[in-house]
Amino acid sequence: MKYFNESEFTNFKKMDKKLLAMLDHVRELYGHPIKITSSYRSPEHPIEAAKKQPGEHAYGAAVDILSDSGRKTFRLVKAAIEAGFTRIGISRKKGFIHLGIGYPDAPEKTIWTY
């Protein structure tokens, strides 16, 4: 990875290589540092365990990144779409953007808010 190091991810070895390459591309397009606030979560993690089926984080197929303003959110989402992300969640209340590449039975193209 060009813009990130392993220590920025929880259990880096479980992270999907395609996601990591796409994340580097987002950083390149965005032009500024990106802070990862969540990456891999085991299926037993309280957030994942509360779901009917563990989500993208449990597959190493998603990250949440810090976004603390509308302008940053717009620029990050624009870069994410240009980099090929088709699963994007936006949490203005908690100040993060979820970028994912999917998991079994996940909708392929979707944007949601928290």
PDB file of N, CA and C in Angstrom:
ATOM      1  N   MET A   1       0.835  -1.178   0.000  1.00  0.00           N
ATOM      2  CA  MET A   1       0.000   0.000   0.000  1.00  0.00           C
ATOM      3  C   MET A   1       0.880   1.242   0.000  1.00  0.00           C
ATOM      4  N   LYS A   2       0.454   2.204  -0.761  1.00  0.00           N
ATOM      5  CA  LYS A   2       1.230   3.427  -0.900  1.00  0.00           C
ATOM      6  C   LYS A   2       0.949   4.438   0.218  1.00  0.00           C
ATOM      7  N   TYR A   3      -0.321   4.565   0.626  1.00  0.00           N
ATOM      8  CA  TYR A   3      -0.704   5.627   1.551  1.00  0.00           C
ATOM      9  C   TYR A   3      -1.038   5.171   2.966  1.00  0.00           C
ATOM     10  N   PHE A   4      -1.092   3.883   3.192  1.00  0.00           N
ATOM     11  CA  PHE A   4      -1.477   3.359   4.498  1.00  0.00           C
ATOM     12  C   PHE A   4      -0.448   2.338   4.960  1.00  0.00           C
ATOM     13  N   ASN A   5      -0.416   2.096   6.265  1.00  0.00           N
ATOM     14  CA  ASN A   5       0.430   1.009   6.762  1.00  0.00           C
ATOM     15  C   ASN A   5      -0.432   0.047   7.570  1.00  0.00           C
ATOM     16  N   GLU A   6       0.085  -1.130   7.779  1.00  0.00           N
ATOM     17  CA  GLU A   6      -0.668  -2.203   8.421  1.00  0.00           C
ATOM     18  C   GLU A   6      -1.227  -1.814   9.788  1.00  0.00           C
ATOM     19  N   SER A   7      -0.515  -0.975  10.518  1.00  0.00           N
ATOM     20  CA  SER A   7      -0.949  -0.615  11.874  1.00  0.00           C
ATOM     21  C   SER A   7      -2.248   0.195  11.894  1.00  0.00           C
ATOM     22  N   GLU A   8      -2.672   0.711  10.754  1.00  0.00           N
ATOM     23  CA  GLU A   8      -3.910   1.485  10.696  1.00  0.00           C
ATOM     24  C   GLU A   8      -5.154   0.595  10.625  1.00  0.00           C
ATOM     25  N   PHE A   9      -4.943  -0.715  10.486  1.00  0.00           N
ATOM     26  CA  PHE A   9      -6.047  -1.660  10.324  1.00  0.00           C
ATOM     27  C   PHE A   9      -6.068  -2.653  11.478  1.00  0.00           C
ATOM     28  N   THR A  10      -7.277  -3.026  11.896  1.00  0.00           N
ATOM     29  CA  THR A  10      -7.430  -4.109  12.857  1.00  0.00           C
ATOM     30  C   THR A  10      -7.266  -5.409  12.093  1.00  0.00           C
ATOM     31  N   ASN A  11      -6.333  -6.252  12.518  1.00  0.00           N
ATOM     32  CA  ASN A  11      -6.086  -7.548  11.881  1.00  0.00           C
ATOM     33  C   ASN A  11      -5.889  -7.402  10.372  1.00  0.00           C
ATOM     34  N   PHE A  12      -4.835  -6.711   9.991  1.00  0.00           N
ATOM     35  CA  PHE A  12      -4.530  -6.390   8.598  1.00  0.00           C
ATOM     36  C   PHE A  12      -4.577  -7.618   7.688  1.00  0.00           C
ATOM     37  N   LYS A  13      -4.115  -8.758   8.185  1.00  0.00           N
ATOM     38  CA  LYS A  13      -4.066  -9.977   7.353  1.00  0.00           C
ATOM     39  C   LYS A  13      -5.452 -10.437   6.900  1.00  0.00           C
ATOM     40  N   LYS A  14      -6.498 -10.009   7.590  1.00  0.00           N
ATOM     41  CA  LYS A  14      -7.866 -10.397   7.211  1.00  0.00           C
ATOM     42  C   LYS A  14      -8.512  -9.403   6.249  1.00  0.00           C
ATOM     43  N   MET A  15      -7.811  -8.321   5.940  1.00  0.00           N
ATOM     44  CA  MET A  15      -8.362  -7.319   5.035  1.00  0.00           C
ATOM     45  C   MET A  15      -8.270  -7.793   3.585  1.00  0.00           C
ATOM     46  N   ASP A  16      -9.323  -7.573   2.832  1.00  0.00           N
ATOM     47  CA  ASP A  16      -9.389  -7.944   1.425  1.00  0.00           C
ATOM     48  C   ASP A  16      -8.403  -7.080   0.617  1.00  0.00           C
ATOM     49  N   LYS A  17      -7.594  -7.736  -0.195  1.00  0.00           N
ATOM     50  CA  LYS A  17      -6.561  -7.021  -0.971  1.00  0.00           C
ATOM     51  C   LYS A  17      -7.173  -6.066  -1.989  1.00  0.00           C
ATOM     52  N   LYS A  18      -8.306  -6.453  -2.587  1.00  0.00           N
ATOM     53  CA  LYS A  18      -8.978  -5.567  -3.545  1.00  0.00           C
ATOM     54  C   LYS A  18      -9.427  -4.289  -2.844  1.00  0.00           C
ATOM     55  N   LEU A  19     -10.005  -4.422  -1.656  1.00  0.00           N
ATOM     56  CA  LEU A  19     -10.435  -3.256  -0.892  1.00  0.00           C
ATOM     57  C   LEU A  19      -9.246  -2.343  -0.604  1.00  0.00           C
ATOM     58  N   LEU A  20      -8.131  -2.919  -0.201  1.00  0.00           N
ATOM     59  CA  LEU A  20      -6.951  -2.111   0.135  1.00  0.00           C
ATOM     60  C   LEU A  20      -6.436  -1.345  -1.077  1.00  0.00           C
ATOM     61  N   ALA A  21      -6.422  -1.982  -2.237  1.00  0.00           N
ATOM     62  CA  ALA A  21      -5.984  -1.305  -3.460  1.00  0.00           C
ATOM     63  C   ALA A  21      -6.939  -0.157  -3.811  1.00  0.00           C
ATOM     64  N   MET A  22      -8.233  -0.422  -3.677  1.00  0.00           N
ATOM     65  CA  MET A  22      -9.223   0.622  -3.963  1.00  0.00           C
ATOM     66  C   MET A  22      -9.105   1.779  -2.972  1.00  0.00           C
ATOM     67  N   LEU A  23      -8.816   1.467  -1.723  1.00  0.00           N
ATOM     68  CA  LEU A  23      -8.655   2.499  -0.706  1.00  0.00           C
ATOM     69  C   LEU A  23      -7.451   3.386  -1.016  1.00  0.00           C
ATOM     70  N   ASP A  24      -6.364   2.794  -1.472  1.00  0.00           N
ATOM     71  CA  ASP A  24      -5.208   3.581  -1.900  1.00  0.00           C
ATOM     72  C   ASP A  24      -5.595   4.514  -3.047  1.00  0.00           C
ATOM     73  N   HIS A  25      -6.414   4.020  -3.966  1.00  0.00           N
ATOM     74  CA  HIS A  25      -6.858   4.835  -5.094  1.00  0.00           C
ATOM     75  C   HIS A  25      -7.719   6.005  -4.603  1.00  0.00           C
ATOM     76  N   VAL A  26      -8.589   5.753  -3.624  1.00  0.00           N
ATOM     77  CA  VAL A  26      -9.386   6.838  -3.034  1.00  0.00           C
ATOM     78  C   VAL A  26      -8.464   7.912  -2.472  1.00  0.00           C
ATOM     79  N   ARG A  27      -7.462   7.477  -1.728  1.00  0.00           N
ATOM     80  CA  ARG A  27      -6.519   8.436  -1.123  1.00  0.00           C
ATOM     81  C   ARG A  27      -5.806   9.256  -2.193  1.00  0.00           C
ATOM     82  N   GLU A  28      -5.413   8.609  -3.273  1.00  0.00           N
ATOM     83  CA  GLU A  28      -4.753   9.300  -4.389  1.00  0.00           C
ATOM     84  C   GLU A  28      -5.678  10.365  -4.983  1.00  0.00           C
ATOM     85  N   LEU A  29      -6.918   9.995  -5.237  1.00  0.00           N
ATOM     86  CA  LEU A  29      -7.879  10.925  -5.825  1.00  0.00           C
ATOM     87  C   LEU A  29      -8.260  12.047  -4.862  1.00  0.00           C
ATOM     88  N   TYR A  30      -8.402  11.714  -3.588  1.00  0.00           N
ATOM     89  CA  TYR A  30      -8.793  12.688  -2.569  1.00  0.00           C
ATOM     90  C   TYR A  30      -7.697  13.732  -2.334  1.00  0.00           C
ATOM     91  N   GLY A  31      -6.462  13.299  -2.364  1.00  0.00           N
ATOM     92  CA  GLY A  31      -5.341  14.222  -2.257  1.00  0.00           C
ATOM     93  C   GLY A  31      -4.960  14.657  -0.852  1.00  0.00           C
ATOM     94  N   HIS A  32      -5.547  14.039   0.168  1.00  0.00           N
ATOM     95  CA  HIS A  32      -5.264  14.377   1.564  1.00  0.00           C
ATOM     96  C   HIS A  32      -5.234  13.096   2.383  1.00  0.00           C
ATOM     97  N   PRO A  33      -4.593  13.109   3.549  1.00  0.00           N
ATOM     98  CA  PRO A  33      -4.601  11.922   4.403  1.00  0.00           C
ATOM     99  C   PRO A  33      -6.022  11.492   4.767  1.00  0.00           C
ATOM    100  N   ILE A  34      -6.195  10.199   4.959  1.00  0.00           N
ATOM    101  CA  ILE A  34      -7.472   9.610   5.344  1.00  0.00           C
ATOM    102  C   ILE A  34      -7.249   8.838   6.638  1.00  0.00           C
ATOM    103  N   LYS A  35      -8.125   9.054   7.612  1.00  0.00           N
ATOM    104  CA  LYS A  35      -8.025   8.332   8.885  1.00  0.00           C
ATOM    105  C   LYS A  35      -9.070   7.222   8.931  1.00  0.00           C
ATOM    106  N   ILE A  36      -8.589   6.008   9.107  1.00  0.00           N
ATOM    107  CA  ILE A  36      -9.476   4.859   9.224  1.00  0.00           C
ATOM    108  C   ILE A  36      -9.937   4.751  10.670  1.00  0.00           C
ATOM    109  N   THR A  37     -11.258   4.681  10.870  1.00  0.00           N
ATOM    110  CA  THR A  37     -11.800   4.586  12.223  1.00  0.00           C
ATOM    111  C   THR A  37     -12.276   3.178  12.555  1.00  0.00           C
ATOM    112  N   SER A  38     -12.495   2.340  11.541  1.00  0.00           N
ATOM    113  CA  SER A  38     -12.896   0.956  11.758  1.00  0.00           C
ATOM    114  C   SER A  38     -12.517   0.147  10.528  1.00  0.00           C
ATOM    115  N   SER A  39     -12.023  -1.072  10.762  1.00  0.00           N
ATOM    116  CA  SER A  39     -11.703  -1.961   9.636  1.00  0.00           C
ATOM    117  C   SER A  39     -12.255  -3.345   9.949  1.00  0.00           C
ATOM    118  N   TYR A  40     -11.398  -4.352  10.021  1.00  0.00           N
ATOM    119  CA  TYR A  40     -11.895  -5.704  10.282  1.00  0.00           C
ATOM    120  C   TYR A  40     -12.538  -5.791  11.667  1.00  0.00           C
ATOM    121  N   ARG A  41     -13.684  -6.468  11.730  1.00  0.00           N
ATOM    122  CA  ARG A  41     -14.333  -6.803  13.000  1.00  0.00           C
ATOM    123  C   ARG A  41     -14.714  -8.274  12.943  1.00  0.00           C
ATOM    124  N   SER A  42     -14.386  -9.011  13.966  1.00  0.00           N
ATOM    125  CA  SER A  42     -14.729 -10.435  13.990  1.00  0.00           C
ATOM    126  C   SER A  42     -16.251 -10.581  14.049  1.00  0.00           C
ATOM    127  N   PRO A  43     -16.776 -11.716  13.609  1.00  0.00           N
ATOM    128  CA  PRO A  43     -18.226 -11.946  13.702  1.00  0.00           C
ATOM    129  C   PRO A  43     -18.743 -11.859  15.133  1.00  0.00           C
ATOM    130  N   GLU A  44     -17.862 -12.041  16.130  1.00  0.00           N
ATOM    131  CA  GLU A  44     -18.265 -11.967  17.533  1.00  0.00           C
ATOM    132  C   GLU A  44     -18.267 -10.529  18.076  1.00  0.00           C
ATOM    133  N   HIS A  45     -17.727  -9.585  17.326  1.00  0.00           N
ATOM    134  CA  HIS A  45     -17.726  -8.185  17.749  1.00  0.00           C
ATOM    135  C   HIS A  45     -19.182  -7.776  18.006  1.00  0.00           C
ATOM    136  N   PRO A  46     -19.449  -7.010  19.065  1.00  0.00           N
ATOM    137  CA  PRO A  46     -20.834  -6.658  19.405  1.00  0.00           C
ATOM    138  C   PRO A  46     -21.646  -6.070  18.237  1.00  0.00           C
ATOM    139  N   ILE A  47     -21.039  -5.249  17.418  1.00  0.00           N
ATOM    140  CA  ILE A  47     -21.764  -4.664  16.289  1.00  0.00           C
ATOM    141  C   ILE A  47     -22.149  -5.746  15.283  1.00  0.00           C
ATOM    142  N   GLU A  48     -21.217  -6.651  14.996  1.00  0.00           N
ATOM    143  CA  GLU A  48     -21.495  -7.720  14.029  1.00  0.00           C
ATOM    144  C   GLU A  48     -22.434  -8.767  14.613  1.00  0.00           C
ATOM    145  N   ALA A  49     -22.244  -9.103  15.877  1.00  0.00           N
ATOM    146  CA  ALA A  49     -23.066 -10.131  16.524  1.00  0.00           C
ATOM    147  C   ALA A  49     -24.534  -9.707  16.624  1.00  0.00           C
ATOM    148  N   ALA A  50     -24.790  -8.398  16.647  1.00  0.00           N
ATOM    149  CA  ALA A  50     -26.160  -7.908  16.756  1.00  0.00           C
ATOM    150  C   ALA A  50     -26.926  -7.995  15.429  1.00  0.00           C
ATOM    151  N   LYS A  51     -26.217  -8.277  14.355  1.00  0.00           N
ATOM    152  CA  LYS A  51     -26.848  -8.346  13.031  1.00  0.00           C
ATOM    153  C   LYS A  51     -27.346  -9.759  12.735  1.00  0.00           C
ATOM    154  N   LYS A  52     -28.322  -9.845  11.822  1.00  0.00           N
ATOM    155  CA  LYS A  52     -28.801 -11.147  11.363  1.00  0.00           C
ATOM    156  C   LYS A  52     -27.668 -11.941  10.725  1.00  0.00           C
ATOM    157  N   GLN A  53     -26.863 -11.255   9.944  1.00  0.00           N
ATOM    158  CA  GLN A  53     -25.686 -11.831   9.285  1.00  0.00           C
ATOM    159  C   GLN A  53     -24.558 -10.818   9.430  1.00  0.00           C
ATOM    160  N   PRO A  54     -23.349 -11.256   9.791  1.00  0.00           N
ATOM    161  CA  PRO A  54     -22.241 -10.302   9.884  1.00  0.00           C
ATOM    162  C   PRO A  54     -22.078  -9.517   8.585  1.00  0.00           C
ATOM    163  N   GLY A  55     -21.703  -8.267   8.716  1.00  0.00           N
ATOM    164  CA  GLY A  55     -21.554  -7.385   7.555  1.00  0.00           C
ATOM    165  C   GLY A  55     -20.166  -7.402   6.951  1.00  0.00           C
ATOM    166  N   GLU A  56     -19.925  -6.435   6.100  1.00  0.00           N
ATOM    167  CA  GLU A  56     -18.680  -6.361   5.335  1.00  0.00           C
ATOM    168  C   GLU A  56     -17.429  -6.309   6.212  1.00  0.00           C
ATOM    169  N   HIS A  57     -17.521  -5.644   7.343  1.00  0.00           N
ATOM    170  CA  HIS A  57     -16.342  -5.555   8.219  1.00  0.00           C
ATOM    171  C   HIS A  57     -15.875  -6.946   8.645  1.00  0.00           C
ATOM    172  N   ALA A  58     -16.803  -7.869   8.850  1.00  0.00           N
ATOM    173  CA  ALA A  58     -16.459  -9.227   9.295  1.00  0.00           C
ATOM    174  C   ALA A  58     -15.795 -10.041   8.195  1.00  0.00           C
ATOM    175  N   TYR A  59     -15.851  -9.544   6.973  1.00  0.00           N
ATOM    176  CA  TYR A  59     -15.189 -10.202   5.838  1.00  0.00           C
ATOM    177  C   TYR A  59     -13.899  -9.478   5.457  1.00  0.00           C
ATOM    178  N   GLY A  60     -13.566  -8.423   6.196  1.00  0.00           N
ATOM    179  CA  GLY A  60     -12.395  -7.613   5.834  1.00  0.00           C
ATOM    180  C   GLY A  60     -12.645  -6.845   4.548  1.00  0.00           C
ATOM    181  N   ALA A  61     -13.924  -6.634   4.237  1.00  0.00           N
ATOM    182  CA  ALA A  61     -14.316  -6.042   2.962  1.00  0.00           C
ATOM    183  C   ALA A  61     -14.866  -4.625   3.110  1.00  0.00           C
ATOM    184  N   ALA A  62     -14.543  -3.964   4.233  1.00  0.00           N
ATOM    185  CA  ALA A  62     -15.035  -2.596   4.442  1.00  0.00           C
ATOM    186  C   ALA A  62     -14.165  -1.867   5.449  1.00  0.00           C
ATOM    187  N   VAL A  63     -14.190  -0.560   5.320  1.00  0.00           N
ATOM    188  CA  VAL A  63     -13.570   0.326   6.309  1.00  0.00           C
ATOM    189  C   VAL A  63     -14.509   1.490   6.553  1.00  0.00           C
ATOM    190  N   ASP A  64     -14.377   2.100   7.710  1.00  0.00           N
ATOM    191  CA  ASP A  64     -15.015   3.373   7.986  1.00  0.00           C
ATOM    192  C   ASP A  64     -13.895   4.397   8.050  1.00  0.00           C
ATOM    193  N   ILE A  65     -14.137   5.555   7.456  1.00  0.00           N
ATOM    194  CA  ILE A  65     -13.118   6.603   7.474  1.00  0.00           C
ATOM    195  C   ILE A  65     -13.719   7.887   8.030  1.00  0.00           C
ATOM    196  N   LEU A  66     -12.903   8.641   8.735  1.00  0.00           N
ATOM    197  CA  LEU A  66     -13.325   9.881   9.365  1.00  0.00           C
ATOM    198  C   LEU A  66     -13.730  10.905   8.314  1.00  0.00           C
ATOM    199  N   SER A  67     -14.858  11.562   8.563  1.00  0.00           N
ATOM    200  CA  SER A  67     -15.298  12.667   7.716  1.00  0.00           C
ATOM    201  C   SER A  67     -16.109  13.613   8.590  1.00  0.00           C
ATOM    202  N   ASP A  68     -15.523  14.753   8.914  1.00  0.00           N
ATOM    203  CA  ASP A  68     -16.147  15.637   9.897  1.00  0.00           C
ATOM    204  C   ASP A  68     -16.754  16.917   9.319  1.00  0.00           C
ATOM    205  N   SER A  69     -16.968  16.935   7.994  1.00  0.00           N
ATOM    206  CA  SER A  69     -17.651  18.092   7.410  1.00  0.00           C
ATOM    207  C   SER A  69     -18.325  17.668   6.106  1.00  0.00           C
ATOM    208  N   GLY A  70     -19.320  18.426   5.714  1.00  0.00           N
ATOM    209  CA  GLY A  70     -20.034  18.137   4.479  1.00  0.00           C
ATOM    210  C   GLY A  70     -19.141  18.211   3.256  1.00  0.00           C
ATOM    211  N   ARG A  71     -18.240  19.166   3.247  1.00  0.00           N
ATOM    212  CA  ARG A  71     -17.328  19.319   2.106  1.00  0.00           C
ATOM    213  C   ARG A  71     -16.408  18.107   1.980  1.00  0.00           C
ATOM    214  N   LYS A  72     -15.837  17.660   3.116  1.00  0.00           N
ATOM    215  CA  LYS A  72     -14.978  16.476   3.093  1.00  0.00           C
ATOM    216  C   LYS A  72     -15.774  15.250   2.666  1.00  0.00           C
ATOM    217  N   THR A  73     -16.988  15.130   3.184  1.00  0.00           N
ATOM    218  CA  THR A  73     -17.824  13.987   2.832  1.00  0.00           C
ATOM    219  C   THR A  73     -18.067  13.949   1.328  1.00  0.00           C
ATOM    220  N   PHE A  74     -18.411  15.079   0.753  1.00  0.00           N
ATOM    221  CA  PHE A  74     -18.639  15.137  -0.692  1.00  0.00           C
ATOM    222  C   PHE A  74     -17.392  14.697  -1.452  1.00  0.00           C
ATOM    223  N   ARG A  75     -16.245  15.253  -1.079  1.00  0.00           N
ATOM    224  CA  ARG A  75     -15.001  14.935  -1.795  1.00  0.00           C
ATOM    225  C   ARG A  75     -14.602  13.475  -1.620  1.00  0.00           C
ATOM    226  N   LEU A  76     -14.794  12.937  -0.417  1.00  0.00           N
ATOM    227  CA  LEU A  76     -14.465  11.527  -0.172  1.00  0.00           C
ATOM    228  C   LEU A  76     -15.397  10.587  -0.938  1.00  0.00           C
ATOM    229  N   VAL A  77     -16.689  10.886  -0.924  1.00  0.00           N
ATOM    230  CA  VAL A  77     -17.644  10.040  -1.648  1.00  0.00           C
ATOM    231  C   VAL A  77     -17.372  10.118  -3.151  1.00  0.00           C
ATOM    232  N   LYS A  78     -17.085  11.290  -3.649  1.00  0.00           N
ATOM    233  CA  LYS A  78     -16.751  11.449  -5.072  1.00  0.00           C
ATOM    234  C   LYS A  78     -15.526  10.604  -5.421  1.00  0.00           C
ATOM    235  N   ALA A  79     -14.488  10.680  -4.596  1.00  0.00           N
ATOM    236  CA  ALA A  79     -13.271   9.884  -4.836  1.00  0.00           C
ATOM    237  C   ALA A  79     -13.566   8.392  -4.741  1.00  0.00           C
ATOM    238  N   ALA A  80     -14.404   8.005  -3.782  1.00  0.00           N
ATOM    239  CA  ALA A  80     -14.741   6.591  -3.605  1.00  0.00           C
ATOM    240  C   ALA A  80     -15.478   6.045  -4.824  1.00  0.00           C
ATOM    241  N   ILE A  81     -16.420   6.806  -5.353  1.00  0.00           N
ATOM    242  CA  ILE A  81     -17.152   6.369  -6.546  1.00  0.00           C
ATOM    243  C   ILE A  81     -16.199   6.277  -7.739  1.00  0.00           C
ATOM    244  N   GLU A  82     -15.336   7.269  -7.899  1.00  0.00           N
ATOM    245  CA  GLU A  82     -14.364   7.241  -8.995  1.00  0.00           C
ATOM    246  C   GLU A  82     -13.409   6.055  -8.868  1.00  0.00           C
ATOM    247  N   ALA A  83     -13.117   5.640  -7.629  1.00  0.00           N
ATOM    248  CA  ALA A  83     -12.210   4.508  -7.390  1.00  0.00           C
ATOM    249  C   ALA A  83     -12.919   3.162  -7.561  1.00  0.00           C
ATOM    250  N   GLY A  84     -14.239   3.184  -7.729  1.00  0.00           N
ATOM    251  CA  GLY A  84     -14.970   1.953  -7.977  1.00  0.00           C
ATOM    252  C   GLY A  84     -15.811   1.417  -6.833  1.00  0.00           C
ATOM    253  N   PHE A  85     -15.863   2.116  -5.714  1.00  0.00           N
ATOM    254  CA  PHE A  85     -16.716   1.667  -4.611  1.00  0.00           C
ATOM    255  C   PHE A  85     -18.186   1.829  -5.001  1.00  0.00           C
ATOM    256  N   THR A  86     -18.979   0.809  -4.719  1.00  0.00           N
ATOM    257  CA  THR A  86     -20.407   0.852  -5.030  1.00  0.00           C
ATOM    258  C   THR A  86     -21.264   0.615  -3.786  1.00  0.00           C
ATOM    259  N   ARG A  87     -20.629   0.471  -2.625  1.00  0.00           N
ATOM    260  CA  ARG A  87     -21.346   0.310  -1.346  1.00  0.00           C
ATOM    261  C   ARG A  87     -20.804   1.369  -0.390  1.00  0.00           C
ATOM    262  N   ILE A  88     -21.592   2.418  -0.180  1.00  0.00           N
ATOM    263  CA  ILE A  88     -21.137   3.572   0.599  1.00  0.00           C
ATOM    264  C   ILE A  88     -22.197   3.933   1.629  1.00  0.00           C
ATOM    265  N   GLY A  89     -21.781   4.039   2.877  1.00  0.00           N
ATOM    266  CA  GLY A  89     -22.657   4.492   3.953  1.00  0.00           C
ATOM    267  C   GLY A  89     -22.136   5.808   4.498  1.00  0.00           C
ATOM    268  N   ILE A  90     -23.038   6.719   4.802  1.00  0.00           N
ATOM    269  CA  ILE A  90     -22.638   8.038   5.298  1.00  0.00           C
ATOM    270  C   ILE A  90     -23.294   8.277   6.658  1.00  0.00           C
ATOM    271  N   SER A  91     -22.472   8.513   7.667  1.00  0.00           N
ATOM    272  CA  SER A  91     -22.972   8.843   8.994  1.00  0.00           C
ATOM    273  C   SER A  91     -22.541  10.261   9.340  1.00  0.00           C
ATOM    274  N   ARG A  92     -23.425  11.207   9.145  1.00  0.00           N
ATOM    275  CA  ARG A  92     -23.108  12.596   9.495  1.00  0.00           C
ATOM    276  C   ARG A  92     -23.082  12.753  11.013  1.00  0.00           C
ATOM    277  N   LYS A  93     -23.979  12.045  11.698  1.00  0.00           N
ATOM    278  CA  LYS A  93     -24.065  12.162  13.160  1.00  0.00           C
ATOM    279  C   LYS A  93     -22.767  11.711  13.825  1.00  0.00           C
ATOM    280  N   LYS A  94     -22.210  10.594  13.373  1.00  0.00           N
ATOM    281  CA  LYS A  94     -20.983  10.064  13.971  1.00  0.00           C
ATOM    282  C   LYS A  94     -19.728  10.458  13.201  1.00  0.00           C
ATOM    283  N   GLY A  95     -19.891  11.090  12.041  1.00  0.00           N
ATOM    284  CA  GLY A  95     -18.754  11.641  11.303  1.00  0.00           C
ATOM    285  C   GLY A  95     -17.863  10.620  10.616  1.00  0.00           C
ATOM    286  N   PHE A  96     -18.487   9.644   9.937  1.00  0.00           N
ATOM    287  CA  PHE A  96     -17.669   8.702   9.180  1.00  0.00           C
ATOM    288  C   PHE A  96     -18.373   8.288   7.897  1.00  0.00           C
ATOM    289  N   ILE A  97     -17.572   7.747   6.986  1.00  0.00           N
ATOM    290  CA  ILE A  97     -18.071   7.178   5.735  1.00  0.00           C
ATOM    291  C   ILE A  97     -17.642   5.721   5.698  1.00  0.00           C
ATOM    292  N   HIS A  98     -18.581   4.853   5.404  1.00  0.00           N
ATOM    293  CA  HIS A  98     -18.323   3.419   5.252  1.00  0.00           C
ATOM    294  C   HIS A  98     -18.075   3.151   3.771  1.00  0.00           C
ATOM    295  N   LEU A  99     -16.971   2.495   3.461  1.00  0.00           N
ATOM    296  CA  LEU A  99     -16.679   2.077   2.091  1.00  0.00           C
ATOM    297  C   LEU A  99     -16.542   0.567   2.083  1.00  0.00           C
ATOM    298  N   GLY A 100     -17.335  -0.102   1.266  1.00  0.00           N
ATOM    299  CA  GLY A 100     -17.296  -1.555   1.230  1.00  0.00           C
ATOM    300  C   GLY A 100     -17.345  -2.106  -0.174  1.00  0.00           C
ATOM    301  N   ILE A 101     -16.924  -3.364  -0.290  1.00  0.00           N
ATOM    302  CA  ILE A 101     -16.933  -4.031  -1.596  1.00  0.00           C
ATOM    303  C   ILE A 101     -17.870  -5.229  -1.614  1.00  0.00           C
ATOM    304  N   GLY A 102     -18.619  -5.429  -0.545  1.00  0.00           N
ATOM    305  CA  GLY A 102     -19.644  -6.453  -0.547  1.00  0.00           C
ATOM    306  C   GLY A 102     -19.312  -7.698   0.245  1.00  0.00           C
ATOM    307  N   TYR A 103     -20.312  -8.542   0.384  1.00  0.00           N
ATOM    308  CA  TYR A 103     -20.246  -9.820   1.086  1.00  0.00           C
ATOM    309  C   TYR A 103     -21.368 -10.668   0.512  1.00  0.00           C
ATOM    310  N   PRO A 104     -21.444 -11.939   0.833  1.00  0.00           N
ATOM    311  CA  PRO A 104     -22.505 -12.774   0.250  1.00  0.00           C
ATOM    312  C   PRO A 104     -23.899 -12.172   0.447  1.00  0.00           C
ATOM    313  N   ASP A 105     -24.649 -12.104  -0.620  1.00  0.00           N
ATOM    314  CA  ASP A 105     -26.031 -11.613  -0.641  1.00  0.00           C
ATOM    315  C   ASP A 105     -26.177 -10.109  -0.374  1.00  0.00           C
ATOM    316  N   ALA A 106     -25.105  -9.360  -0.417  1.00  0.00           N
ATOM    317  CA  ALA A 106     -25.193  -7.912  -0.205  1.00  0.00           C
ATOM    318  C   ALA A 106     -25.617  -7.226  -1.504  1.00  0.00           C
ATOM    319  N   PRO A 107     -26.442  -6.176  -1.411  1.00  0.00           N
ATOM    320  CA  PRO A 107     -26.758  -5.407  -2.617  1.00  0.00           C
ATOM    321  C   PRO A 107     -25.464  -4.855  -3.227  1.00  0.00           C
ATOM    322  N   GLU A 108     -25.335  -4.977  -4.521  1.00  0.00           N
ATOM    323  CA  GLU A 108     -24.081  -4.581  -5.173  1.00  0.00           C
ATOM    324  C   GLU A 108     -23.864  -3.076  -5.203  1.00  0.00           C
ATOM    325  N   LYS A 109     -24.905  -2.321  -5.531  1.00  0.00           N
ATOM    326  CA  LYS A 109     -24.767  -0.871  -5.649  1.00  0.00           C
ATOM    327  C   LYS A 109     -25.782  -0.199  -4.735  1.00  0.00           C
ATOM    328  N   THR A 110     -25.257   0.492  -3.725  1.00  0.00           N
ATOM    329  CA  THR A 110     -26.154   1.152  -2.778  1.00  0.00           C
ATOM    330  C   THR A 110     -25.408   2.229  -1.987  1.00  0.00           C
ATOM    331  N   ILE A 111     -26.161   3.250  -1.625  1.00  0.00           N
ATOM    332  CA  ILE A 111     -25.667   4.290  -0.705  1.00  0.00           C
ATOM    333  C   ILE A 111     -26.728   4.426   0.375  1.00  0.00           C
ATOM    334  N   TRP A 112     -26.301   4.484   1.626  1.00  0.00           N
ATOM    335  CA  TRP A 112     -27.243   4.613   2.737  1.00  0.00           C
ATOM    336  C   TRP A 112     -26.701   5.615   3.739  1.00  0.00           C
ATOM    337  N   THR A 113     -27.565   6.043   4.634  1.00  0.00           N
ATOM    338  CA  THR A 113     -27.162   6.948   5.709  1.00  0.00           C
ATOM    339  C   THR A 113     -27.462   6.302   7.039  1.00  0.00           C
ATOM    340  N   TYR A 114     -26.751   6.732   8.051  1.00  0.00           N
ATOM    341  CA  TYR A 114     -26.952   6.251   9.418  1.00  0.00           C
ATOM    342  C   TYR A 114     -27.616   7.340  10.232  1.00  0.00           C
TER     343      TYR A 114
END
